[in-house]
Amino acid sequence: MKLPDAAHCLESLGNDTRLGVYRALVRAGPGGLPVGQLQSRLDIPGSTLSHHIAHLVKNELVTQNREGRVLRCTANYNKMNALLEFLSEECCRDSEGCG
């Protein structure tokens, strides 16, 4: 992952609502959650949720799949792991070691 991509991801997650959405999807596992269920869990208006999901989708942190009438959101675990790796890849590189 490159610095600009990491910055965009962190910007997305720097909002309370988006971080809550993302954490709920990570907690849900690889099956994700239907938008309606996500809305119920977070108790936020549908238009607000749509706005925040669109931001997460734009930065590839969340994917959406239509299953008939249901729109299912899923955390992009590959992107999450790449971001975590980016954040820690240079840990203690300029020191004698981490303590």
PDB file of N, CA and C in Angstrom:
ATOM      1  N   MET A   1       0.844  -1.175   0.000  1.00  0.00           N
ATOM      2  CA  MET A   1       0.000   0.000   0.000  1.00  0.00           C
ATOM      3  C   MET A   1       0.890   1.239   0.000  1.00  0.00           C
ATOM      4  N   LYS A   2       0.484   2.209  -0.760  1.00  0.00           N
ATOM      5  CA  LYS A   2       1.211   3.476  -0.847  1.00  0.00           C
ATOM      6  C   LYS A   2       0.628   4.478   0.147  1.00  0.00           C
ATOM      7  N   LEU A   3       1.425   5.472   0.502  1.00  0.00           N
ATOM      8  CA  LEU A   3       1.034   6.478   1.483  1.00  0.00           C
ATOM      9  C   LEU A   3      -0.298   7.164   1.154  1.00  0.00           C
ATOM     10  N   PRO A   4      -0.529   7.616  -0.089  1.00  0.00           N
ATOM     11  CA  PRO A   4      -1.811   8.289  -0.368  1.00  0.00           C
ATOM     12  C   PRO A   4      -3.024   7.373  -0.146  1.00  0.00           C
ATOM     13  N   ASP A   5      -2.908   6.104  -0.511  1.00  0.00           N
ATOM     14  CA  ASP A   5      -3.999   5.154  -0.319  1.00  0.00           C
ATOM     15  C   ASP A   5      -4.257   4.952   1.171  1.00  0.00           C
ATOM     16  N   ALA A   6      -3.191   4.804   1.949  1.00  0.00           N
ATOM     17  CA  ALA A   6      -3.336   4.640   3.398  1.00  0.00           C
ATOM     18  C   ALA A   6      -3.993   5.878   4.003  1.00  0.00           C
ATOM     19  N   ALA A   7      -3.589   7.060   3.541  1.00  0.00           N
ATOM     20  CA  ALA A   7      -4.165   8.300   4.060  1.00  0.00           C
ATOM     21  C   ALA A   7      -5.661   8.371   3.777  1.00  0.00           C
ATOM     22  N   HIS A   8      -6.091   7.953   2.584  1.00  0.00           N
ATOM     23  CA  HIS A   8      -7.516   7.966   2.239  1.00  0.00           C
ATOM     24  C   HIS A   8      -8.290   6.987   3.121  1.00  0.00           C
ATOM     25  N   CYS A   9      -7.724   5.821   3.352  1.00  0.00           N
ATOM     26  CA  CYS A   9      -8.379   4.838   4.214  1.00  0.00           C
ATOM     27  C   CYS A   9      -8.510   5.369   5.635  1.00  0.00           C
ATOM     28  N   LEU A  10      -7.438   5.944   6.143  1.00  0.00           N
ATOM     29  CA  LEU A  10      -7.470   6.471   7.504  1.00  0.00           C
ATOM     30  C   LEU A  10      -8.437   7.651   7.621  1.00  0.00           C
ATOM     31  N   GLU A  11      -8.520   8.458   6.561  1.00  0.00           N
ATOM     32  CA  GLU A  11      -9.482   9.554   6.548  1.00  0.00           C
ATOM     33  C   GLU A  11     -10.900   9.005   6.638  1.00  0.00           C
ATOM     34  N   SER A  12     -11.185   7.950   5.899  1.00  0.00           N
ATOM     35  CA  SER A  12     -12.513   7.332   5.947  1.00  0.00           C
ATOM     36  C   SER A  12     -12.831   6.824   7.343  1.00  0.00           C
ATOM     37  N   LEU A  13     -11.864   6.196   7.962  1.00  0.00           N
ATOM     38  CA  LEU A  13     -12.088   5.607   9.278  1.00  0.00           C
ATOM     39  C   LEU A  13     -12.009   6.639  10.402  1.00  0.00           C
ATOM     40  N   GLY A  14     -11.612   7.868  10.078  1.00  0.00           N
ATOM     41  CA  GLY A  14     -11.493   8.923  11.068  1.00  0.00           C
ATOM     42  C   GLY A  14     -12.815   9.577  11.438  1.00  0.00           C
ATOM     43  N   ASN A  15     -13.907   9.111  10.885  1.00  0.00           N
ATOM     44  CA  ASN A  15     -15.232   9.611  11.193  1.00  0.00           C
ATOM     45  C   ASN A  15     -15.926   8.608  12.114  1.00  0.00           C
ATOM     46  N   ASP A  16     -16.531   9.073  13.186  1.00  0.00           N
ATOM     47  CA  ASP A  16     -17.161   8.183  14.171  1.00  0.00           C
ATOM     48  C   ASP A  16     -18.166   7.214  13.540  1.00  0.00           C
ATOM     49  N   THR A  17     -19.025   7.749  12.690  1.00  0.00           N
ATOM     50  CA  THR A  17     -20.065   6.907  12.087  1.00  0.00           C
ATOM     51  C   THR A  17     -19.457   5.870  11.166  1.00  0.00           C
ATOM     52  N   ARG A  18     -18.521   6.295  10.304  1.00  0.00           N
ATOM     53  CA  ARG A  18     -17.905   5.333   9.379  1.00  0.00           C
ATOM     54  C   ARG A  18     -17.109   4.279  10.128  1.00  0.00           C
ATOM     55  N   LEU A  19     -16.429   4.680  11.182  1.00  0.00           N
ATOM     56  CA  LEU A  19     -15.686   3.703  11.977  1.00  0.00           C
ATOM     57  C   LEU A  19     -16.647   2.712  12.622  1.00  0.00           C
ATOM     58  N   GLY A  20     -17.789   3.195  13.086  1.00  0.00           N
ATOM     59  CA  GLY A  20     -18.800   2.297  13.653  1.00  0.00           C
ATOM     60  C   GLY A  20     -19.343   1.325  12.621  1.00  0.00           C
ATOM     61  N   VAL A  21     -19.612   1.821  11.417  1.00  0.00           N
ATOM     62  CA  VAL A  21     -20.073   0.953  10.323  1.00  0.00           C
ATOM     63  C   VAL A  21     -19.024  -0.104  10.026  1.00  0.00           C
ATOM     64  N   TYR A  22     -17.782   0.331   9.896  1.00  0.00           N
ATOM     65  CA  TYR A  22     -16.710  -0.595   9.541  1.00  0.00           C
ATOM     66  C   TYR A  22     -16.510  -1.653  10.623  1.00  0.00           C
ATOM     67  N   ARG A  23     -16.514  -1.233  11.870  1.00  0.00           N
ATOM     68  CA  ARG A  23     -16.339  -2.191  12.968  1.00  0.00           C
ATOM     69  C   ARG A  23     -17.485  -3.196  13.014  1.00  0.00           C
ATOM     70  N   ALA A  24     -18.699  -2.743  12.748  1.00  0.00           N
ATOM     71  CA  ALA A  24     -19.845  -3.652  12.726  1.00  0.00           C
ATOM     72  C   ALA A  24     -19.681  -4.690  11.617  1.00  0.00           C
ATOM     73  N   LEU A  25     -19.170  -4.259  10.470  1.00  0.00           N
ATOM     74  CA  LEU A  25     -18.971  -5.192   9.357  1.00  0.00           C
ATOM     75  C   LEU A  25     -17.821  -6.159   9.632  1.00  0.00           C
ATOM     76  N   VAL A  26     -16.760  -5.674  10.247  1.00  0.00           N
ATOM     77  CA  VAL A  26     -15.649  -6.563  10.615  1.00  0.00           C
ATOM     78  C   VAL A  26     -16.151  -7.595  11.620  1.00  0.00           C
ATOM     79  N   ARG A  27     -16.932  -7.143  12.590  1.00  0.00           N
ATOM     80  CA  ARG A  27     -17.477  -8.036  13.622  1.00  0.00           C
ATOM     81  C   ARG A  27     -18.406  -9.077  12.994  1.00  0.00           C
ATOM     82  N   ALA A  28     -19.121  -8.701  11.938  1.00  0.00           N
ATOM     83  CA  ALA A  28     -20.074  -9.613  11.285  1.00  0.00           C
ATOM     84  C   ALA A  28     -19.379 -10.753  10.552  1.00  0.00           C
ATOM     85  N   GLY A  29     -18.124 -10.572  10.193  1.00  0.00           N
ATOM     86  CA  GLY A  29     -17.390 -11.629   9.502  1.00  0.00           C
ATOM     87  C   GLY A  29     -17.565 -11.565   7.999  1.00  0.00           C
ATOM     88  N   PRO A  30     -17.072 -12.589   7.312  1.00  0.00           N
ATOM     89  CA  PRO A  30     -17.044 -12.575   5.846  1.00  0.00           C
ATOM     90  C   PRO A  30     -18.418 -12.534   5.189  1.00  0.00           C
ATOM     91  N   GLY A  31     -19.468 -12.893   5.913  1.00  0.00           N
ATOM     92  CA  GLY A  31     -20.816 -12.838   5.345  1.00  0.00           C
ATOM     93  C   GLY A  31     -21.390 -11.441   5.305  1.00  0.00           C
ATOM     94  N   GLY A  32     -20.771 -10.523   6.040  1.00  0.00           N
ATOM     95  CA  GLY A  32     -21.236  -9.145   6.056  1.00  0.00           C
ATOM     96  C   GLY A  32     -22.628  -8.998   6.640  1.00  0.00           C
ATOM     97  N   LEU A  33     -23.257  -7.883   6.332  1.00  0.00           N
ATOM     98  CA  LEU A  33     -24.603  -7.592   6.820  1.00  0.00           C
ATOM     99  C   LEU A  33     -25.420  -6.908   5.736  1.00  0.00           C
ATOM    100  N   PRO A  34     -26.716  -7.210   5.672  1.00  0.00           N
ATOM    101  CA  PRO A  34     -27.593  -6.435   4.815  1.00  0.00           C
ATOM    102  C   PRO A  34     -27.669  -4.997   5.339  1.00  0.00           C
ATOM    103  N   VAL A  35     -27.846  -4.037   4.450  1.00  0.00           N
ATOM    104  CA  VAL A  35     -27.882  -2.631   4.834  1.00  0.00           C
ATOM    105  C   VAL A  35     -28.957  -2.388   5.897  1.00  0.00           C
ATOM    106  N   GLY A  36     -30.118  -2.988   5.751  1.00  0.00           N
ATOM    107  CA  GLY A  36     -31.191  -2.795   6.720  1.00  0.00           C
ATOM    108  C   GLY A  36     -30.805  -3.254   8.117  1.00  0.00           C
ATOM    109  N   GLN A  37     -30.124  -4.374   8.193  1.00  0.00           N
ATOM    110  CA  GLN A  37     -29.680  -4.890   9.485  1.00  0.00           C
ATOM    111  C   GLN A  37     -28.591  -3.994  10.075  1.00  0.00           C
ATOM    112  N   LEU A  38     -27.706  -3.516   9.229  1.00  0.00           N
ATOM    113  CA  LEU A  38     -26.648  -2.601   9.663  1.00  0.00           C
ATOM    114  C   LEU A  38     -27.277  -1.312  10.196  1.00  0.00           C
ATOM    115  N   GLN A  39     -28.279  -0.816   9.510  1.00  0.00           N
ATOM    116  CA  GLN A  39     -28.973   0.393   9.944  1.00  0.00           C
ATOM    117  C   GLN A  39     -29.629   0.184  11.311  1.00  0.00           C
ATOM    118  N   SER A  40     -30.261  -0.959  11.510  1.00  0.00           N
ATOM    119  CA  SER A  40     -30.896  -1.259  12.797  1.00  0.00           C
ATOM    120  C   SER A  40     -29.879  -1.348  13.921  1.00  0.00           C
ATOM    121  N   ARG A  41     -28.767  -1.994  13.660  1.00  0.00           N
ATOM    122  CA  ARG A  41     -27.732  -2.145  14.690  1.00  0.00           C
ATOM    123  C   ARG A  41     -27.147  -0.810  15.116  1.00  0.00           C
ATOM    124  N   LEU A  42     -26.958   0.093  14.142  1.00  0.00           N
ATOM    125  CA  LEU A  42     -26.310   1.367  14.432  1.00  0.00           C
ATOM    126  C   LEU A  42     -27.305   2.475  14.757  1.00  0.00           C
ATOM    127  N   ASP A  43     -28.590   2.218  14.497  1.00  0.00           N
ATOM    128  CA  ASP A  43     -29.655   3.181  14.769  1.00  0.00           C
ATOM    129  C   ASP A  43     -29.362   4.557  14.160  1.00  0.00           C
ATOM    130  N   ILE A  44     -29.123   4.543  12.837  1.00  0.00           N
ATOM    131  CA  ILE A  44     -28.902   5.802  12.110  1.00  0.00           C
ATOM    132  C   ILE A  44     -29.821   5.835  10.892  1.00  0.00           C
ATOM    133  N   PRO A  45     -30.191   7.033  10.431  1.00  0.00           N
ATOM    134  CA  PRO A  45     -31.071   7.137   9.261  1.00  0.00           C
ATOM    135  C   PRO A  45     -30.442   6.503   8.013  1.00  0.00           C
ATOM    136  N   GLY A  46     -31.299   5.966   7.159  1.00  0.00           N
ATOM    137  CA  GLY A  46     -30.835   5.306   5.941  1.00  0.00           C
ATOM    138  C   GLY A  46     -30.006   6.202   5.047  1.00  0.00           C
ATOM    139  N   SER A  47     -30.403   7.461   4.900  1.00  0.00           N
ATOM    140  CA  SER A  47     -29.647   8.365   4.025  1.00  0.00           C
ATOM    141  C   SER A  47     -28.253   8.634   4.592  1.00  0.00           C
ATOM    142  N   THR A  48     -28.156   8.741   5.900  1.00  0.00           N
ATOM    143  CA  THR A  48     -26.857   8.944   6.550  1.00  0.00           C
ATOM    144  C   THR A  48     -25.984   7.717   6.355  1.00  0.00           C
ATOM    145  N   LEU A  49     -26.576   6.548   6.555  1.00  0.00           N
ATOM    146  CA  LEU A  49     -25.831   5.307   6.380  1.00  0.00           C
ATOM    147  C   LEU A  49     -25.341   5.171   4.947  1.00  0.00           C
ATOM    148  N   SER A  50     -26.182   5.457   3.982  1.00  0.00           N
ATOM    149  CA  SER A  50     -25.799   5.360   2.568  1.00  0.00           C
ATOM    150  C   SER A  50     -24.607   6.251   2.250  1.00  0.00           C
ATOM    151  N   HIS A  51     -24.641   7.470   2.778  1.00  0.00           N
ATOM    152  CA  HIS A  51     -23.536   8.412   2.564  1.00  0.00           C
ATOM    153  C   HIS A  51     -22.222   7.833   3.099  1.00  0.00           C
ATOM    154  N   HIS A  52     -22.252   7.302   4.301  1.00  0.00           N
ATOM    155  CA  HIS A  52     -21.033   6.790   4.924  1.00  0.00           C
ATOM    156  C   HIS A  52     -20.554   5.493   4.264  1.00  0.00           C
ATOM    157  N   ILE A  53     -21.485   4.637   3.870  1.00  0.00           N
ATOM    158  CA  ILE A  53     -21.101   3.418   3.159  1.00  0.00           C
ATOM    159  C   ILE A  53     -20.447   3.777   1.834  1.00  0.00           C
ATOM    160  N   ALA A  54     -20.997   4.744   1.120  1.00  0.00           N
ATOM    161  CA  ALA A  54     -20.414   5.163  -0.159  1.00  0.00           C
ATOM    162  C   ALA A  54     -18.971   5.623   0.019  1.00  0.00           C
ATOM    163  N   HIS A  55     -18.691   6.309   1.102  1.00  0.00           N
ATOM    164  CA  HIS A  55     -17.330   6.774   1.384  1.00  0.00           C
ATOM    165  C   HIS A  55     -16.399   5.579   1.614  1.00  0.00           C
ATOM    166  N   LEU A  56     -16.870   4.595   2.351  1.00  0.00           N
ATOM    167  CA  LEU A  56     -16.064   3.395   2.623  1.00  0.00           C
ATOM    168  C   LEU A  56     -15.866   2.560   1.356  1.00  0.00           C
ATOM    169  N   VAL A  57     -16.884   2.488   0.526  1.00  0.00           N
ATOM    170  CA  VAL A  57     -16.783   1.743  -0.740  1.00  0.00           C
ATOM    171  C   VAL A  57     -15.785   2.436  -1.660  1.00  0.00           C
ATOM    172  N   LYS A  58     -15.848   3.763  -1.723  1.00  0.00           N
ATOM    173  CA  LYS A  58     -14.940   4.537  -2.579  1.00  0.00           C
ATOM    174  C   LYS A  58     -13.477   4.236  -2.249  1.00  0.00           C
ATOM    175  N   ASN A  59     -13.179   4.057  -0.974  1.00  0.00           N
ATOM    176  CA  ASN A  59     -11.807   3.773  -0.556  1.00  0.00           C
ATOM    177  C   ASN A  59     -11.532   2.285  -0.397  1.00  0.00           C
ATOM    178  N   GLU A  60     -12.441   1.467  -0.937  1.00  0.00           N
ATOM    179  CA  GLU A  60     -12.290   0.012  -1.017  1.00  0.00           C
ATOM    180  C   GLU A  60     -12.178  -0.683   0.336  1.00  0.00           C
ATOM    181  N   LEU A  61     -12.706  -0.058   1.378  1.00  0.00           N
ATOM    182  CA  LEU A  61     -12.725  -0.700   2.691  1.00  0.00           C
ATOM    183  C   LEU A  61     -13.944  -1.607   2.843  1.00  0.00           C
ATOM    184  N   VAL A  62     -14.976  -1.348   2.037  1.00  0.00           N
ATOM    185  CA  VAL A  62     -16.221  -2.102   2.086  1.00  0.00           C
ATOM    186  C   VAL A  62     -16.640  -2.431   0.662  1.00  0.00           C
ATOM    187  N   THR A  63     -17.197  -3.621   0.494  1.00  0.00           N
ATOM    188  CA  THR A  63     -17.787  -3.999  -0.799  1.00  0.00           C
ATOM    189  C   THR A  63     -19.288  -4.177  -0.596  1.00  0.00           C
ATOM    190  N   GLN A  64     -20.031  -4.000  -1.688  1.00  0.00           N
ATOM    191  CA  GLN A  64     -21.476  -4.193  -1.657  1.00  0.00           C
ATOM    192  C   GLN A  64     -21.863  -5.168  -2.753  1.00  0.00           C
ATOM    193  N   ASN A  65     -22.789  -6.056  -2.422  1.00  0.00           N
ATOM    194  CA  ASN A  65     -23.315  -7.004  -3.391  1.00  0.00           C
ATOM    195  C   ASN A  65     -24.829  -7.030  -3.276  1.00  0.00           C
ATOM    196  N   ARG A  66     -25.485  -7.003  -4.411  1.00  0.00           N
ATOM    197  CA  ARG A  66     -26.940  -7.089  -4.424  1.00  0.00           C
ATOM    198  C   ARG A  66     -27.332  -8.552  -4.496  1.00  0.00           C
ATOM    199  N   GLU A  67     -28.223  -8.940  -3.591  1.00  0.00           N
ATOM    200  CA  GLU A  67     -28.760 -10.301  -3.539  1.00  0.00           C
ATOM    201  C   GLU A  67     -30.279 -10.185  -3.627  1.00  0.00           C
ATOM    202  N   GLY A  68     -30.778 -10.126  -4.848  1.00  0.00           N
ATOM    203  CA  GLY A  68     -32.209  -9.886  -5.033  1.00  0.00           C
ATOM    204  C   GLY A  68     -32.550  -8.479  -4.584  1.00  0.00           C
ATOM    205  N   ARG A  69     -33.382  -8.366  -3.562  1.00  0.00           N
ATOM    206  CA  ARG A  69     -33.777  -7.049  -3.057  1.00  0.00           C
ATOM    207  C   ARG A  69     -32.880  -6.577  -1.924  1.00  0.00           C
ATOM    208  N   VAL A  70     -31.924  -7.404  -1.519  1.00  0.00           N
ATOM    209  CA  VAL A  70     -31.062  -7.090  -0.373  1.00  0.00           C
ATOM    210  C   VAL A  70     -29.703  -6.598  -0.857  1.00  0.00           C
ATOM    211  N   LEU A  71     -29.243  -5.511  -0.263  1.00  0.00           N
ATOM    212  CA  LEU A  71     -27.903  -5.001  -0.529  1.00  0.00           C
ATOM    213  C   LEU A  71     -27.035  -5.362   0.665  1.00  0.00           C
ATOM    214  N   ARG A  72     -26.049  -6.223   0.434  1.00  0.00           N
ATOM    215  CA  ARG A  72     -25.197  -6.727   1.508  1.00  0.00           C
ATOM    216  C   ARG A  72     -23.846  -6.016   1.470  1.00  0.00           C
ATOM    217  N   CYS A  73     -23.411  -5.560   2.634  1.00  0.00           N
ATOM    218  CA  CYS A  73     -22.110  -4.900   2.778  1.00  0.00           C
ATOM    219  C   CYS A  73     -21.161  -5.834   3.503  1.00  0.00           C
ATOM    220  N   THR A  74     -19.923  -5.833   3.056  1.00  0.00           N
ATOM    221  CA  THR A  74     -18.902  -6.688   3.644  1.00  0.00           C
ATOM    222  C   THR A  74     -17.610  -5.897   3.785  1.00  0.00           C
ATOM    223  N   ALA A  75     -16.938  -6.094   4.902  1.00  0.00           N
ATOM    224  CA  ALA A  75     -15.625  -5.477   5.088  1.00  0.00           C
ATOM    225  C   ALA A  75     -14.646  -6.112   4.108  1.00  0.00           C
ATOM    226  N   ASN A  76     -13.780  -5.311   3.532  1.00  0.00           N
ATOM    227  CA  ASN A  76     -12.735  -5.802   2.639  1.00  0.00           C
ATOM    228  C   ASN A  76     -11.520  -6.131   3.508  1.00  0.00           C
ATOM    229  N   TYR A  77     -11.406  -7.388   3.891  1.00  0.00           N
ATOM    230  CA  TYR A  77     -10.354  -7.813   4.817  1.00  0.00           C
ATOM    231  C   TYR A  77      -8.967  -7.684   4.207  1.00  0.00           C
ATOM    232  N   ASN A  78      -8.850  -7.871   2.905  1.00  0.00           N
ATOM    233  CA  ASN A  78      -7.542  -7.699   2.257  1.00  0.00           C
ATOM    234  C   ASN A  78      -7.060  -6.258   2.400  1.00  0.00           C
ATOM    235  N   LYS A  79      -7.965  -5.304   2.199  1.00  0.00           N
ATOM    236  CA  LYS A  79      -7.610  -3.891   2.328  1.00  0.00           C
ATOM    237  C   LYS A  79      -7.283  -3.564   3.785  1.00  0.00           C
ATOM    238  N   MET A  80      -8.067  -4.102   4.701  1.00  0.00           N
ATOM    239  CA  MET A  80      -7.818  -3.878   6.123  1.00  0.00           C
ATOM    240  C   MET A  80      -6.437  -4.398   6.517  1.00  0.00           C
ATOM    241  N   ASN A  81      -6.112  -5.590   6.079  1.00  0.00           N
ATOM    242  CA  ASN A  81      -4.814  -6.172   6.413  1.00  0.00           C
ATOM    243  C   ASN A  81      -3.668  -5.408   5.764  1.00  0.00           C
ATOM    244  N   ALA A  82      -3.886  -4.924   4.545  1.00  0.00           N
ATOM    245  CA  ALA A  82      -2.854  -4.122   3.883  1.00  0.00           C
ATOM    246  C   ALA A  82      -2.619  -2.818   4.642  1.00  0.00           C
ATOM    247  N   LEU A  83      -3.679  -2.211   5.140  1.00  0.00           N
ATOM    248  CA  LEU A  83      -3.540  -0.979   5.914  1.00  0.00           C
ATOM    249  C   LEU A  83      -2.802  -1.241   7.221  1.00  0.00           C
ATOM    250  N   LEU A  84      -3.159  -2.309   7.904  1.00  0.00           N
ATOM    251  CA  LEU A  84      -2.470  -2.656   9.152  1.00  0.00           C
ATOM    252  C   LEU A  84      -0.996  -2.958   8.901  1.00  0.00           C
ATOM    253  N   GLU A  85      -0.713  -3.651   7.819  1.00  0.00           N
ATOM    254  CA  GLU A  85       0.679  -3.945   7.468  1.00  0.00           C
ATOM    255  C   GLU A  85       1.436  -2.655   7.158  1.00  0.00           C
ATOM    256  N   PHE A  86       0.817  -1.753   6.414  1.00  0.00           N
ATOM    257  CA  PHE A  86       1.444  -0.475   6.093  1.00  0.00           C
ATOM    258  C   PHE A  86       1.785   0.290   7.371  1.00  0.00           C
ATOM    259  N   LEU A  87       0.866   0.302   8.329  1.00  0.00           N
ATOM    260  CA  LEU A  87       1.077   1.043   9.567  1.00  0.00           C
ATOM    261  C   LEU A  87       2.198   0.471  10.419  1.00  0.00           C
ATOM    262  N   SER A  88       2.430  -0.820  10.303  1.00  0.00           N
ATOM    263  CA  SER A  88       3.429  -1.442  11.177  1.00  0.00           C
ATOM    264  C   SER A  88       4.703  -1.894  10.473  1.00  0.00           C
ATOM    265  N   GLU A  89       4.783  -1.776   9.150  1.00  0.00           N
ATOM    266  CA  GLU A  89       5.911  -2.338   8.428  1.00  0.00           C
ATOM    267  C   GLU A  89       7.256  -1.730   8.761  1.00  0.00           C
ATOM    268  N   GLU A  90       7.277  -0.498   9.222  1.00  0.00           N
ATOM    269  CA  GLU A  90       8.557   0.130   9.540  1.00  0.00           C
ATOM    270  C   GLU A  90       8.755   0.296  11.048  1.00  0.00           C
ATOM    271  N   CYS A  91       8.023  -0.456  11.804  1.00  0.00           N
ATOM    272  CA  CYS A  91       8.117  -0.366  13.261  1.00  0.00           C
ATOM    273  C   CYS A  91       9.552  -0.589  13.719  1.00  0.00           C
ATOM    274  N   CYS A  92      10.061   0.362  14.448  1.00  0.00           N
ATOM    275  CA  CYS A  92      11.388   0.293  15.080  1.00  0.00           C
ATOM    276  C   CYS A  92      12.541   0.197  14.091  1.00  0.00           C
ATOM    277  N   ARG A  93      12.321   0.484  12.835  1.00  0.00           N
ATOM    278  CA  ARG A  93      13.349   0.354  11.818  1.00  0.00           C
ATOM    279  C   ARG A  93      14.551   1.253  12.100  1.00  0.00           C
ATOM    280  N   ASP A  94      14.344   2.407  12.689  1.00  0.00           N
ATOM    281  CA  ASP A  94      15.433   3.347  12.956  1.00  0.00           C
ATOM    282  C   ASP A  94      15.944   3.266  14.398  1.00  0.00           C
ATOM    283  N   SER A  95      15.596   2.217  15.103  1.00  0.00           N
ATOM    284  CA  SER A  95      16.047   2.084  16.484  1.00  0.00           C
ATOM    285  C   SER A  95      16.722   0.734  16.697  1.00  0.00           C
ATOM    286  N   GLU A  96      17.176   0.543  17.892  1.00  0.00           N
ATOM    287  CA  GLU A  96      17.845  -0.715  18.256  1.00  0.00           C
ATOM    288  C   GLU A  96      16.856  -1.867  18.403  1.00  0.00           C
ATOM    289  N   GLY A  97      15.603  -1.543  18.476  1.00  0.00           N
ATOM    290  CA  GLY A  97      14.587  -2.576  18.628  1.00  0.00           C
ATOM    291  C   GLY A  97      13.421  -2.054  19.441  1.00  0.00           C
ATOM    292  N   CYS A  98      12.344  -2.752  19.375  1.00  0.00           N
ATOM    293  CA  CYS A  98      11.150  -2.354  20.126  1.00  0.00           C
ATOM    294  C   CYS A  98      11.201  -2.990  21.507  1.00  0.00           C
ATOM    295  N   GLY A  99      10.709  -2.270  22.451  1.00  0.00           N
ATOM    296  CA  GLY A  99      10.718  -2.771  23.812  1.00  0.00           C
ATOM    297  C   GLY A  99       9.405  -3.031  24.273  1.00  0.00           C
TER     298      GLY A  99
END
